[in-house]
Amino acid sequence: MRVMFSIDRDRNAADTVFGLCFVDAVSFGSGKPGFADGEPDAAQFHAPYSLCLLVDPSDADDGDVRGDRTGTEWLLCADAYNNRIRRIDITTTGLVSTYVGSGVVGSQCGQRQESTLFQPYSLCADPIRAGGFYLGDVQTVRYCDGETVSFVAGGESGYADGVGGAAQFACVDHLLCSVDGKTLFVSDTQNRRLRAVNPKTQSVTTVCGDGETETRDGVGLDASLARPFQLCFDRSPLTTAAGSVIFIASRGGIRRFEVHSGTLHCHAEAHPNDFTALHCRATARVFIWY
């Protein structure tokens, strides 16, 4: 059976009030903005932005490697305005708890519940190590191994390629990890670029986009992305290799990026006065199937 999880952006008719729901009508969250752990209908979120399925590392078949993901799974939620990563036990109790972050605004790494975050927007499971995941707050990319949060890259607002703290992001809006775990793609929305991070060396490079406000097809830095938001791999059987094509939801529509050649194509165009493409940020982001 396939289950769909989503973030309900329309609840109480306010973008900052969300509930977490899945298709059999069981919900997580009271629908009122705030912070509270506990039972599914009593828990509170404030601007959850991203969802991620995570295997409990203590229950994974082979310890370090994700493998076939037959262990107990949690649903993680980037609760942006609470500056926390929340955990939902979707396998048994449905309880909501705080997994990462003290709630204090900051960039402190260390023990996961003592670390500090600044509006975490994005989450991405490590495809190799069970229980590991990447998280992106406004200008920083970090990694949590299930116990400790560590620094990967970024820190200052701006645009710069480089290694570790020398790299700069303007808004880490979405993360996508390659199937081999060697490349982490970053949708740097305010810089209008697609960035690539090597988690091992902490090096950050720009793979697509010249920073211009208009959308233009092309190759690598000769192409333009108008506010890229959501990223996802093309999983159709017609794709030549897993992870070779990325779809990018942007203000200009849906773009198709070929990872190896660096070529950006239009997949679905949006009229300049039609804000439907902006809602790709809401609709493409929030659905997760398993």
C-alpha atoms as a PDB file:
ATOM      1  CA  MET A   1       0.000   0.000   0.000  1.00  0.00           C
ATOM      2  CA  ARG A   2       1.250   3.458  -0.874  1.00  0.00           C
ATOM      3  CA  VAL A   3       0.752   6.295   1.598  1.00  0.00           C
ATOM      4  CA  MET A   4       0.862   9.989   0.782  1.00  0.00           C
ATOM      5  CA  PHE A   5       1.979  12.568   3.316  1.00  0.00           C
ATOM      6  CA  SER A   6       1.408  16.252   2.708  1.00  0.00           C
ATOM      7  CA  ILE A   7       1.566  19.647   4.353  1.00  0.00           C
ATOM      8  CA  ASP A   8      -1.830  21.326   4.379  1.00  0.00           C
ATOM      9  CA  ARG A   9      -1.119  24.944   3.488  1.00  0.00           C
ATOM     10  CA  ASP A  10      -4.796  25.984   3.451  1.00  0.00           C
ATOM     11  CA  ARG A  11      -5.797  25.027   6.956  1.00  0.00           C
ATOM     12  CA  ASN A  12      -7.362  28.030   8.745  1.00  0.00           C
ATOM     13  CA  ALA A  13      -6.767  30.002   5.523  1.00  0.00           C
ATOM     14  CA  ALA A  14      -3.288  31.142   6.523  1.00  0.00           C
ATOM     15  CA  ASP A  15       0.016  30.165   4.979  1.00  0.00           C
ATOM     16  CA  THR A  16       1.686  30.108   8.376  1.00  0.00           C
ATOM     17  CA  VAL A  17      -0.806  27.645   9.839  1.00  0.00           C
ATOM     18  CA  PHE A  18      -0.272  24.069   8.770  1.00  0.00           C
ATOM     19  CA  GLY A  19      -1.336  20.571   9.571  1.00  0.00           C
ATOM     20  CA  LEU A  20       0.355  17.373   8.473  1.00  0.00           C
ATOM     21  CA  CYS A  21      -1.989  14.865   6.905  1.00  0.00           C
ATOM     22  CA  PHE A  22      -2.010  11.612   5.020  1.00  0.00           C
ATOM     23  CA  VAL A  23      -4.654  10.170   2.770  1.00  0.00           C
ATOM     24  CA  ASP A  24      -6.667   8.072   5.225  1.00  0.00           C
ATOM     25  CA  ALA A  25      -7.560  11.309   7.060  1.00  0.00           C
ATOM     26  CA  VAL A  26      -5.354  10.785  10.095  1.00  0.00           C
ATOM     27  CA  SER A  27      -3.727  14.136  10.814  1.00  0.00           C
ATOM     28  CA  PHE A  28      -0.810  15.484  12.806  1.00  0.00           C
ATOM     29  CA  GLY A  29      -1.144  18.956  14.239  1.00  0.00           C
ATOM     30  CA  SER A  30      -3.931  21.002  15.778  1.00  0.00           C
ATOM     31  CA  GLY A  31      -4.026  23.467  12.884  1.00  0.00           C
ATOM     32  CA  LYS A  32      -3.068  26.328  15.185  1.00  0.00           C
ATOM     33  CA  PRO A  33       0.392  27.924  14.926  1.00  0.00           C
ATOM     34  CA  GLY A  34       2.612  27.273  17.892  1.00  0.00           C
ATOM     35  CA  PHE A  35       4.953  24.748  19.412  1.00  0.00           C
ATOM     36  CA  ALA A  36       3.828  21.607  21.215  1.00  0.00           C
ATOM     37  CA  ASP A  37       4.979  17.997  21.163  1.00  0.00           C
ATOM     38  CA  GLY A  38       2.596  15.171  21.979  1.00  0.00           C
ATOM     39  CA  GLU A  39      -0.433  13.383  20.570  1.00  0.00           C
ATOM     40  CA  PRO A  40      -1.211  13.836  16.859  1.00  0.00           C
ATOM     41  CA  ASP A  41      -4.179  16.173  17.344  1.00  0.00           C
ATOM     42  CA  ALA A  42      -2.550  18.195  20.136  1.00  0.00           C
ATOM     43  CA  ALA A  43       0.860  18.822  18.554  1.00  0.00           C
ATOM     44  CA  GLN A  44       1.541  22.230  17.035  1.00  0.00           C
ATOM     45  CA  PHE A  45       3.742  23.364  14.168  1.00  0.00           C
ATOM     46  CA  HIS A  46       4.590  26.818  12.893  1.00  0.00           C
ATOM     47  CA  ALA A  47       5.397  26.917   9.173  1.00  0.00           C
ATOM     48  CA  PRO A  48       6.563  23.367   8.439  1.00  0.00           C
ATOM     49  CA  TYR A  49       8.329  23.518   5.099  1.00  0.00           C
ATOM     50  CA  SER A  50       9.683  20.104   4.196  1.00  0.00           C
ATOM     51  CA  LEU A  51       9.102  16.418   4.900  1.00  0.00           C
ATOM     52  CA  CYS A  52      11.543  13.525   4.891  1.00  0.00           C
ATOM     53  CA  LEU A  53      11.213   9.791   5.616  1.00  0.00           C
ATOM     54  CA  LEU A  54      13.964   8.474   7.840  1.00  0.00           C
ATOM     55  CA  VAL A  55      14.887   4.946   8.887  1.00  0.00           C
ATOM     56  CA  ASP A  56      15.471   4.428  12.609  1.00  0.00           C
ATOM     57  CA  PRO A  57      19.189   3.499  12.645  1.00  0.00           C
ATOM     58  CA  SER A  58      18.721   1.193  15.629  1.00  0.00           C
ATOM     59  CA  ASP A  59      16.138  -0.794  13.686  1.00  0.00           C
ATOM     60  CA  ALA A  60      17.747  -0.888  10.222  1.00  0.00           C
ATOM     61  CA  ASP A  61      18.604  -4.300   8.799  1.00  0.00           C
ATOM     62  CA  ASP A  62      22.245  -3.599   8.164  1.00  0.00           C
ATOM     63  CA  GLY A  63      23.142  -0.841  10.603  1.00  0.00           C
ATOM     64  CA  ASP A  64      24.902   1.823   8.561  1.00  0.00           C
ATOM     65  CA  VAL A  65      23.425   1.239   5.125  1.00  0.00           C
ATOM     66  CA  ARG A  66      19.852   2.172   4.230  1.00  0.00           C
ATOM     67  CA  GLY A  67      19.460  -0.892   2.045  1.00  0.00           C
ATOM     68  CA  ASP A  68      15.802  -1.809   1.455  1.00  0.00           C
ATOM     69  CA  ARG A  69      14.523   0.481   4.233  1.00  0.00           C
ATOM     70  CA  THR A  70      12.711  -2.289   6.100  1.00  0.00           C
ATOM     71  CA  GLY A  71      13.389  -0.770   9.529  1.00  0.00           C
ATOM     72  CA  THR A  72      11.017   1.446  11.499  1.00  0.00           C
ATOM     73  CA  GLU A  73      10.447   4.733   9.686  1.00  0.00           C
ATOM     74  CA  TRP A  74       9.906   8.211  11.048  1.00  0.00           C
ATOM     75  CA  LEU A  75       8.556  11.252   9.261  1.00  0.00           C
ATOM     76  CA  LEU A  76      10.731  14.307   9.843  1.00  0.00           C
ATOM     77  CA  CYS A  77       9.366  17.813   9.392  1.00  0.00           C
ATOM     78  CA  ALA A  78      11.351  21.043   9.060  1.00  0.00           C
ATOM     79  CA  ASP A  79       9.378  23.304  11.404  1.00  0.00           C
ATOM     80  CA  ALA A  80      10.783  26.596  10.158  1.00  0.00           C
ATOM     81  CA  TYR A  81       9.434  29.238  12.535  1.00  0.00           C
ATOM     82  CA  ASN A  82       9.964  27.012  15.570  1.00  0.00           C
ATOM     83  CA  ASN A  83      13.607  26.558  14.501  1.00  0.00           C
ATOM     84  CA  ARG A  84      13.336  22.810  15.036  1.00  0.00           C
ATOM     85  CA  ILE A  85      13.185  19.512  13.205  1.00  0.00           C
ATOM     86  CA  ARG A  86      10.199  17.522  14.430  1.00  0.00           C
ATOM     87  CA  ARG A  87       9.807  13.739  14.381  1.00  0.00           C
ATOM     88  CA  ILE A  88       6.530  11.888  13.835  1.00  0.00           C
ATOM     89  CA  ASP A  89       6.312   8.215  14.710  1.00  0.00           C
ATOM     90  CA  ILE A  90       4.258   7.061  11.732  1.00  0.00           C
ATOM     91  CA  THR A  91       4.833   3.347  12.371  1.00  0.00           C
ATOM     92  CA  THR A  92       3.314   2.990  15.830  1.00  0.00           C
ATOM     93  CA  THR A  93       2.121   5.774  18.144  1.00  0.00           C
ATOM     94  CA  GLY A  94       1.856   8.822  15.883  1.00  0.00           C
ATOM     95  CA  LEU A  95       3.482  10.932  18.598  1.00  0.00           C
ATOM     96  CA  VAL A  96       5.178  14.178  17.583  1.00  0.00           C
ATOM     97  CA  SER A  97       8.476  15.022  19.266  1.00  0.00           C
ATOM     98  CA  THR A  98      11.380  17.409  18.776  1.00  0.00           C
ATOM     99  CA  TYR A  99      14.292  15.666  17.097  1.00  0.00           C
ATOM    100  CA  VAL A 100      16.771  18.476  16.340  1.00  0.00           C
ATOM    101  CA  GLY A 101      17.059  22.002  17.683  1.00  0.00           C
ATOM    102  CA  SER A 102      16.582  23.798  20.978  1.00  0.00           C
ATOM    103  CA  GLY A 103      14.276  26.418  19.466  1.00  0.00           C
ATOM    104  CA  VAL A 104      16.897  29.142  19.866  1.00  0.00           C
ATOM    105  CA  VAL A 105      17.888  30.935  16.660  1.00  0.00           C
ATOM    106  CA  GLY A 106      21.492  30.240  15.754  1.00  0.00           C
ATOM    107  CA  SER A 107      24.006  28.004  13.982  1.00  0.00           C
ATOM    108  CA  GLN A 108      25.437  25.951  16.825  1.00  0.00           C
ATOM    109  CA  CYS A 109      26.315  22.359  15.977  1.00  0.00           C
ATOM    110  CA  GLY A 110      26.723  19.481  18.415  1.00  0.00           C
ATOM    111  CA  GLN A 111      24.268  17.202  20.188  1.00  0.00           C
ATOM    112  CA  ARG A 112      21.113  17.272  18.076  1.00  0.00           C
ATOM    113  CA  GLN A 113      18.644  18.601  20.670  1.00  0.00           C
ATOM    114  CA  GLU A 114      21.104  21.220  21.904  1.00  0.00           C
ATOM    115  CA  SER A 115      21.951  22.525  18.425  1.00  0.00           C
ATOM    116  CA  THR A 116      20.459  25.791  17.197  1.00  0.00           C
ATOM    117  CA  LEU A 117      18.820  26.407  13.817  1.00  0.00           C
ATOM    118  CA  PHE A 118      17.699  29.442  11.844  1.00  0.00           C
ATOM    119  CA  GLN A 119      14.448  28.739  10.010  1.00  0.00           C
ATOM    120  CA  PRO A 120      15.137  25.257   8.617  1.00  0.00           C
ATOM    121  CA  TYR A 121      13.474  24.935   5.229  1.00  0.00           C
ATOM    122  CA  SER A 122      14.760  21.708   3.746  1.00  0.00           C
ATOM    123  CA  LEU A 123      15.491  18.093   4.649  1.00  0.00           C
ATOM    124  CA  CYS A 124      17.028  15.264   2.660  1.00  0.00           C
ATOM    125  CA  ALA A 125      17.699  11.709   3.827  1.00  0.00           C
ATOM    126  CA  ASP A 126      21.194  10.302   3.404  1.00  0.00           C
ATOM    127  CA  PRO A 127      20.749   7.538   0.791  1.00  0.00           C
ATOM    128  CA  ILE A 128      23.697   5.606   2.210  1.00  0.00           C
ATOM    129  CA  ARG A 129      23.609   5.802   5.999  1.00  0.00           C
ATOM    130  CA  ALA A 130      20.443   4.842   7.869  1.00  0.00           C
ATOM    131  CA  GLY A 131      19.331   7.577  10.240  1.00  0.00           C
ATOM    132  CA  GLY A 132      21.449  10.264   8.590  1.00  0.00           C
ATOM    133  CA  PHE A 133      20.023  13.326   6.899  1.00  0.00           C
ATOM    134  CA  TYR A 134      20.975  16.753   5.593  1.00  0.00           C
ATOM    135  CA  LEU A 135      19.198  19.897   6.708  1.00  0.00           C
ATOM    136  CA  GLY A 136      19.261  23.362   5.258  1.00  0.00           C
ATOM    137  CA  ASP A 137      18.377  26.480   7.159  1.00  0.00           C
ATOM    138  CA  VAL A 138      18.464  29.887   5.540  1.00  0.00           C
ATOM    139  CA  GLN A 139      22.156  30.083   4.618  1.00  0.00           C
ATOM    140  CA  THR A 140      23.721  26.862   5.921  1.00  0.00           C
ATOM    141  CA  VAL A 141      23.839  23.182   5.029  1.00  0.00           C
ATOM    142  CA  ARG A 142      24.395  20.762   7.893  1.00  0.00           C
ATOM    143  CA  TYR A 143      24.298  17.013   8.530  1.00  0.00           C
ATOM    144  CA  CYS A 144      22.793  14.976  11.364  1.00  0.00           C
ATOM    145  CA  ASP A 145      23.944  11.392  11.868  1.00  0.00           C
ATOM    146  CA  GLY A 146      21.141  10.660  14.321  1.00  0.00           C
ATOM    147  CA  GLU A 147      23.015  11.953  17.361  1.00  0.00           C
ATOM    148  CA  THR A 148      25.140  14.925  16.357  1.00  0.00           C
ATOM    149  CA  VAL A 149      24.646  17.881  14.025  1.00  0.00           C
ATOM    150  CA  SER A 150      27.747  18.835  12.057  1.00  0.00           C
ATOM    151  CA  PHE A 151      28.587  21.666   9.677  1.00  0.00           C
ATOM    152  CA  VAL A 152      28.870  21.100   5.920  1.00  0.00           C
ATOM    153  CA  ALA A 153      28.931  24.475   4.146  1.00  0.00           C
ATOM    154  CA  GLY A 154      27.723  28.080   4.136  1.00  0.00           C
ATOM    155  CA  GLY A 155      27.020  30.456   6.990  1.00  0.00           C
ATOM    156  CA  GLU A 156      26.999  33.982   5.556  1.00  0.00           C
ATOM    157  CA  SER A 157      24.305  35.354   3.279  1.00  0.00           C
ATOM    158  CA  GLY A 158      25.575  36.004  -0.232  1.00  0.00           C
ATOM    159  CA  TYR A 159      26.853  34.199  -3.272  1.00  0.00           C
ATOM    160  CA  ALA A 160      30.227  32.484  -3.367  1.00  0.00           C
ATOM    161  CA  ASP A 161      31.524  29.097  -4.377  1.00  0.00           C
ATOM    162  CA  GLY A 162      34.214  27.666  -2.145  1.00  0.00           C
ATOM    163  CA  VAL A 163      34.910  25.193   0.625  1.00  0.00           C
ATOM    164  CA  GLY A 164      33.018  25.015   3.913  1.00  0.00           C
ATOM    165  CA  GLY A 165      32.506  28.425   5.492  1.00  0.00           C
ATOM    166  CA  ALA A 166      33.951  30.214   2.464  1.00  0.00           C
ATOM    167  CA  ALA A 167      30.874  29.242   0.439  1.00  0.00           C
ATOM    168  CA  GLN A 168      27.785  31.428   0.631  1.00  0.00           C
ATOM    169  CA  PHE A 169      24.083  30.810   0.026  1.00  0.00           C
ATOM    170  CA  ALA A 170      21.230  33.302  -0.027  1.00  0.00           C
ATOM    171  CA  CYS A 171      18.434  30.819   0.696  1.00  0.00           C
ATOM    172  CA  VAL A 172      18.816  27.042   0.971  1.00  0.00           C
ATOM    173  CA  ASP A 173      15.283  26.274  -0.146  1.00  0.00           C
ATOM    174  CA  HIS A 174      15.543  22.603  -1.075  1.00  0.00           C
ATOM    175  CA  LEU A 175      18.063  19.741  -0.942  1.00  0.00           C
ATOM    176  CA  LEU A 176      18.393  16.664  -3.145  1.00  0.00           C
ATOM    177  CA  CYS A 177      21.055  13.984  -2.669  1.00  0.00           C
ATOM    178  CA  SER A 178      22.450  11.865  -5.493  1.00  0.00           C
ATOM    179  CA  VAL A 179      21.798   8.126  -5.294  1.00  0.00           C
ATOM    180  CA  ASP A 180      25.450   7.420  -4.442  1.00  0.00           C
ATOM    181  CA  GLY A 181      25.464  10.058  -1.700  1.00  0.00           C
ATOM    182  CA  LYS A 182      28.427  11.896  -3.238  1.00  0.00           C
ATOM    183  CA  THR A 183      26.629  15.066  -4.366  1.00  0.00           C
ATOM    184  CA  LEU A 184      24.072  17.204  -2.580  1.00  0.00           C
ATOM    185  CA  PHE A 185      22.148  19.540  -4.879  1.00  0.00           C
ATOM    186  CA  VAL A 186      20.954  22.827  -3.365  1.00  0.00           C
ATOM    187  CA  SER A 187      18.199  25.026  -4.705  1.00  0.00           C
ATOM    188  CA  ASP A 188      19.631  28.459  -3.844  1.00  0.00           C
ATOM    189  CA  THR A 189      16.451  30.412  -4.454  1.00  0.00           C
ATOM    190  CA  GLN A 190      17.486  34.001  -3.845  1.00  0.00           C
ATOM    191  CA  ASN A 191      20.694  33.549  -5.833  1.00  0.00           C
ATOM    192  CA  ARG A 192      18.680  31.969  -8.674  1.00  0.00           C
ATOM    193  CA  ARG A 193      21.146  29.123  -9.020  1.00  0.00           C
ATOM    194  CA  LEU A 194      21.459  25.376  -8.608  1.00  0.00           C
ATOM    195  CA  ARG A 195      24.457  24.568  -6.436  1.00  0.00           C
ATOM    196  CA  ALA A 196      26.271  21.258  -5.806  1.00  0.00           C
ATOM    197  CA  VAL A 197      27.939  20.309  -2.530  1.00  0.00           C
ATOM    198  CA  ASN A 198      30.477  17.532  -2.056  1.00  0.00           C
ATOM    199  CA  PRO A 199      29.683  16.363   1.508  1.00  0.00           C
ATOM    200  CA  LYS A 200      33.098  14.759   1.932  1.00  0.00           C
ATOM    201  CA  THR A 201      35.258  17.735   0.903  1.00  0.00           C
ATOM    202  CA  GLN A 202      32.644  20.432   1.766  1.00  0.00           C
ATOM    203  CA  SER A 203      33.284  22.096  -1.601  1.00  0.00           C
ATOM    204  CA  VAL A 204      30.432  24.072  -3.161  1.00  0.00           C
ATOM    205  CA  THR A 205      30.125  24.788  -6.884  1.00  0.00           C
ATOM    206  CA  THR A 206      27.458  26.322  -9.100  1.00  0.00           C
ATOM    207  CA  VAL A 207      26.192  23.872 -11.707  1.00  0.00           C
ATOM    208  CA  CYS A 208      23.385  25.879 -13.288  1.00  0.00           C
ATOM    209  CA  GLY A 209      22.258  29.493 -13.425  1.00  0.00           C
ATOM    210  CA  ASP A 210      23.844  32.878 -13.981  1.00  0.00           C
ATOM    211  CA  GLY A 211      21.831  34.738 -11.341  1.00  0.00           C
ATOM    212  CA  GLU A 212      19.672  36.652 -13.808  1.00  0.00           C
ATOM    213  CA  THR A 213      15.970  37.151 -13.042  1.00  0.00           C
ATOM    214  CA  GLU A 214      14.681  35.799 -16.362  1.00  0.00           C
ATOM    215  CA  THR A 215      14.461  32.117 -17.272  1.00  0.00           C
ATOM    216  CA  ARG A 216      16.636  31.004 -20.179  1.00  0.00           C
ATOM    217  CA  ASP A 217      17.557  27.524 -21.377  1.00  0.00           C
ATOM    218  CA  GLY A 218      21.208  26.747 -21.868  1.00  0.00           C
ATOM    219  CA  VAL A 219      24.169  24.874 -20.462  1.00  0.00           C
ATOM    220  CA  GLY A 220      25.563  25.345 -16.962  1.00  0.00           C
ATOM    221  CA  LEU A 221      26.300  28.961 -16.079  1.00  0.00           C
ATOM    222  CA  ASP A 222      24.939  30.177 -19.418  1.00  0.00           C
ATOM    223  CA  ALA A 223      21.410  29.173 -18.381  1.00  0.00           C
ATOM    224  CA  SER A 224      19.124  31.270 -16.169  1.00  0.00           C
ATOM    225  CA  LEU A 225      16.786  30.131 -13.371  1.00  0.00           C
ATOM    226  CA  ALA A 226      14.047  32.409 -12.072  1.00  0.00           C
ATOM    227  CA  ARG A 227      13.800  31.591  -8.354  1.00  0.00           C
ATOM    228  CA  PRO A 228      14.283  27.801  -8.273  1.00  0.00           C
ATOM    229  CA  PHE A 229      12.379  26.094  -5.477  1.00  0.00           C
ATOM    230  CA  GLN A 230      11.681  22.365  -5.426  1.00  0.00           C
ATOM    231  CA  LEU A 231      14.014  19.668  -6.790  1.00  0.00           C
ATOM    232  CA  CYS A 232      13.274  16.056  -7.632  1.00  0.00           C
ATOM    233  CA  PHE A 233      14.815  13.342  -9.778  1.00  0.00           C
ATOM    234  CA  ASP A 234      13.107  12.081 -12.913  1.00  0.00           C
ATOM    235  CA  ARG A 235      12.134   8.537 -11.942  1.00  0.00           C
ATOM    236  CA  SER A 236      10.427   7.584 -15.195  1.00  0.00           C
ATOM    237  CA  PRO A 237      11.522   4.321 -16.854  1.00  0.00           C
ATOM    238  CA  LEU A 238      12.560   6.314 -19.920  1.00  0.00           C
ATOM    239  CA  THR A 239      15.354   8.038 -18.008  1.00  0.00           C
ATOM    240  CA  THR A 240      18.716   6.578 -19.002  1.00  0.00           C
ATOM    241  CA  ALA A 241      20.153   6.352 -15.498  1.00  0.00           C
ATOM    242  CA  ALA A 242      18.901   6.964 -11.971  1.00  0.00           C
ATOM    243  CA  GLY A 243      19.730  10.470 -10.814  1.00  0.00           C
ATOM    244  CA  SER A 244      20.707  11.725 -14.260  1.00  0.00           C
ATOM    245  CA  VAL A 245      17.828  14.216 -14.658  1.00  0.00           C
ATOM    246  CA  ILE A 246      16.527  16.732 -12.119  1.00  0.00           C
ATOM    247  CA  PHE A 247      13.224  18.566 -12.409  1.00  0.00           C
ATOM    248  CA  ILE A 248      13.333  22.091 -10.977  1.00  0.00           C
ATOM    249  CA  ALA A 249      10.174  23.950  -9.966  1.00  0.00           C
ATOM    250  CA  SER A 250      10.806  27.641 -10.518  1.00  0.00           C
ATOM    251  CA  ARG A 251       8.950  30.866 -11.104  1.00  0.00           C
ATOM    252  CA  GLY A 252       9.411  30.337 -14.824  1.00  0.00           C
ATOM    253  CA  GLY A 253       7.790  26.906 -14.740  1.00  0.00           C
ATOM    254  CA  ILE A 254       9.228  23.410 -14.504  1.00  0.00           C
ATOM    255  CA  ARG A 255      12.759  23.059 -15.880  1.00  0.00           C
ATOM    256  CA  ARG A 256      14.597  19.855 -16.775  1.00  0.00           C
ATOM    257  CA  PHE A 257      18.276  19.719 -15.843  1.00  0.00           C
ATOM    258  CA  GLU A 258      20.572  17.026 -17.240  1.00  0.00           C
ATOM    259  CA  VAL A 259      23.164  16.397 -14.542  1.00  0.00           C
ATOM    260  CA  HIS A 260      26.028  15.095 -16.696  1.00  0.00           C
ATOM    261  CA  SER A 261      25.787  17.597 -19.555  1.00  0.00           C
ATOM    262  CA  GLY A 262      24.632  20.547 -17.449  1.00  0.00           C
ATOM    263  CA  THR A 263      21.871  21.307 -19.961  1.00  0.00           C
ATOM    264  CA  LEU A 264      18.719  23.109 -18.798  1.00  0.00           C
ATOM    265  CA  HIS A 265      15.507  22.720 -20.803  1.00  0.00           C
ATOM    266  CA  CYS A 266      11.944  23.923 -20.416  1.00  0.00           C
ATOM    267  CA  HIS A 267       9.626  21.119 -19.297  1.00  0.00           C
ATOM    268  CA  ALA A 268       6.468  23.137 -18.563  1.00  0.00           C
ATOM    269  CA  GLU A 269       6.373  26.872 -19.219  1.00  0.00           C
ATOM    270  CA  ALA A 270       4.518  29.416 -17.077  1.00  0.00           C
ATOM    271  CA  HIS A 271       3.086  32.681 -18.370  1.00  0.00           C
ATOM    272  CA  PRO A 272       4.893  35.697 -16.802  1.00  0.00           C
ATOM    273  CA  ASN A 273       1.599  36.912 -15.288  1.00  0.00           C
ATOM    274  CA  ASP A 274       0.449  33.462 -14.182  1.00  0.00           C
ATOM    275  CA  PHE A 275       1.519  32.753 -10.612  1.00  0.00           C
ATOM    276  CA  THR A 276       0.637  29.071 -10.907  1.00  0.00           C
ATOM    277  CA  ALA A 277       4.332  28.236 -11.151  1.00  0.00           C
ATOM    278  CA  LEU A 278       4.898  29.841  -7.793  1.00  0.00           C
ATOM    279  CA  HIS A 279       2.568  27.273  -6.294  1.00  0.00           C
ATOM    280  CA  CYS A 280       4.949  24.556  -7.417  1.00  0.00           C
ATOM    281  CA  ARG A 281       6.764  25.620  -4.295  1.00  0.00           C
ATOM    282  CA  ALA A 282       3.764  24.556  -2.238  1.00  0.00           C
ATOM    283  CA  THR A 283       2.420  21.604  -4.161  1.00  0.00           C
ATOM    284  CA  ALA A 284       5.575  19.878  -5.368  1.00  0.00           C
ATOM    285  CA  ARG A 285       7.276  20.333  -2.029  1.00  0.00           C
ATOM    286  CA  VAL A 286       4.691  18.833   0.237  1.00  0.00           C
ATOM    287  CA  PHE A 287       3.796  15.449  -1.226  1.00  0.00           C
ATOM    288  CA  ILE A 288       5.799  12.419  -0.252  1.00  0.00           C
ATOM    289  CA  TRP A 289       4.960   8.812  -1.126  1.00  0.00           C
ATOM    290  CA  TYR A 290       6.222   5.543   0.222  1.00  0.00           C
END
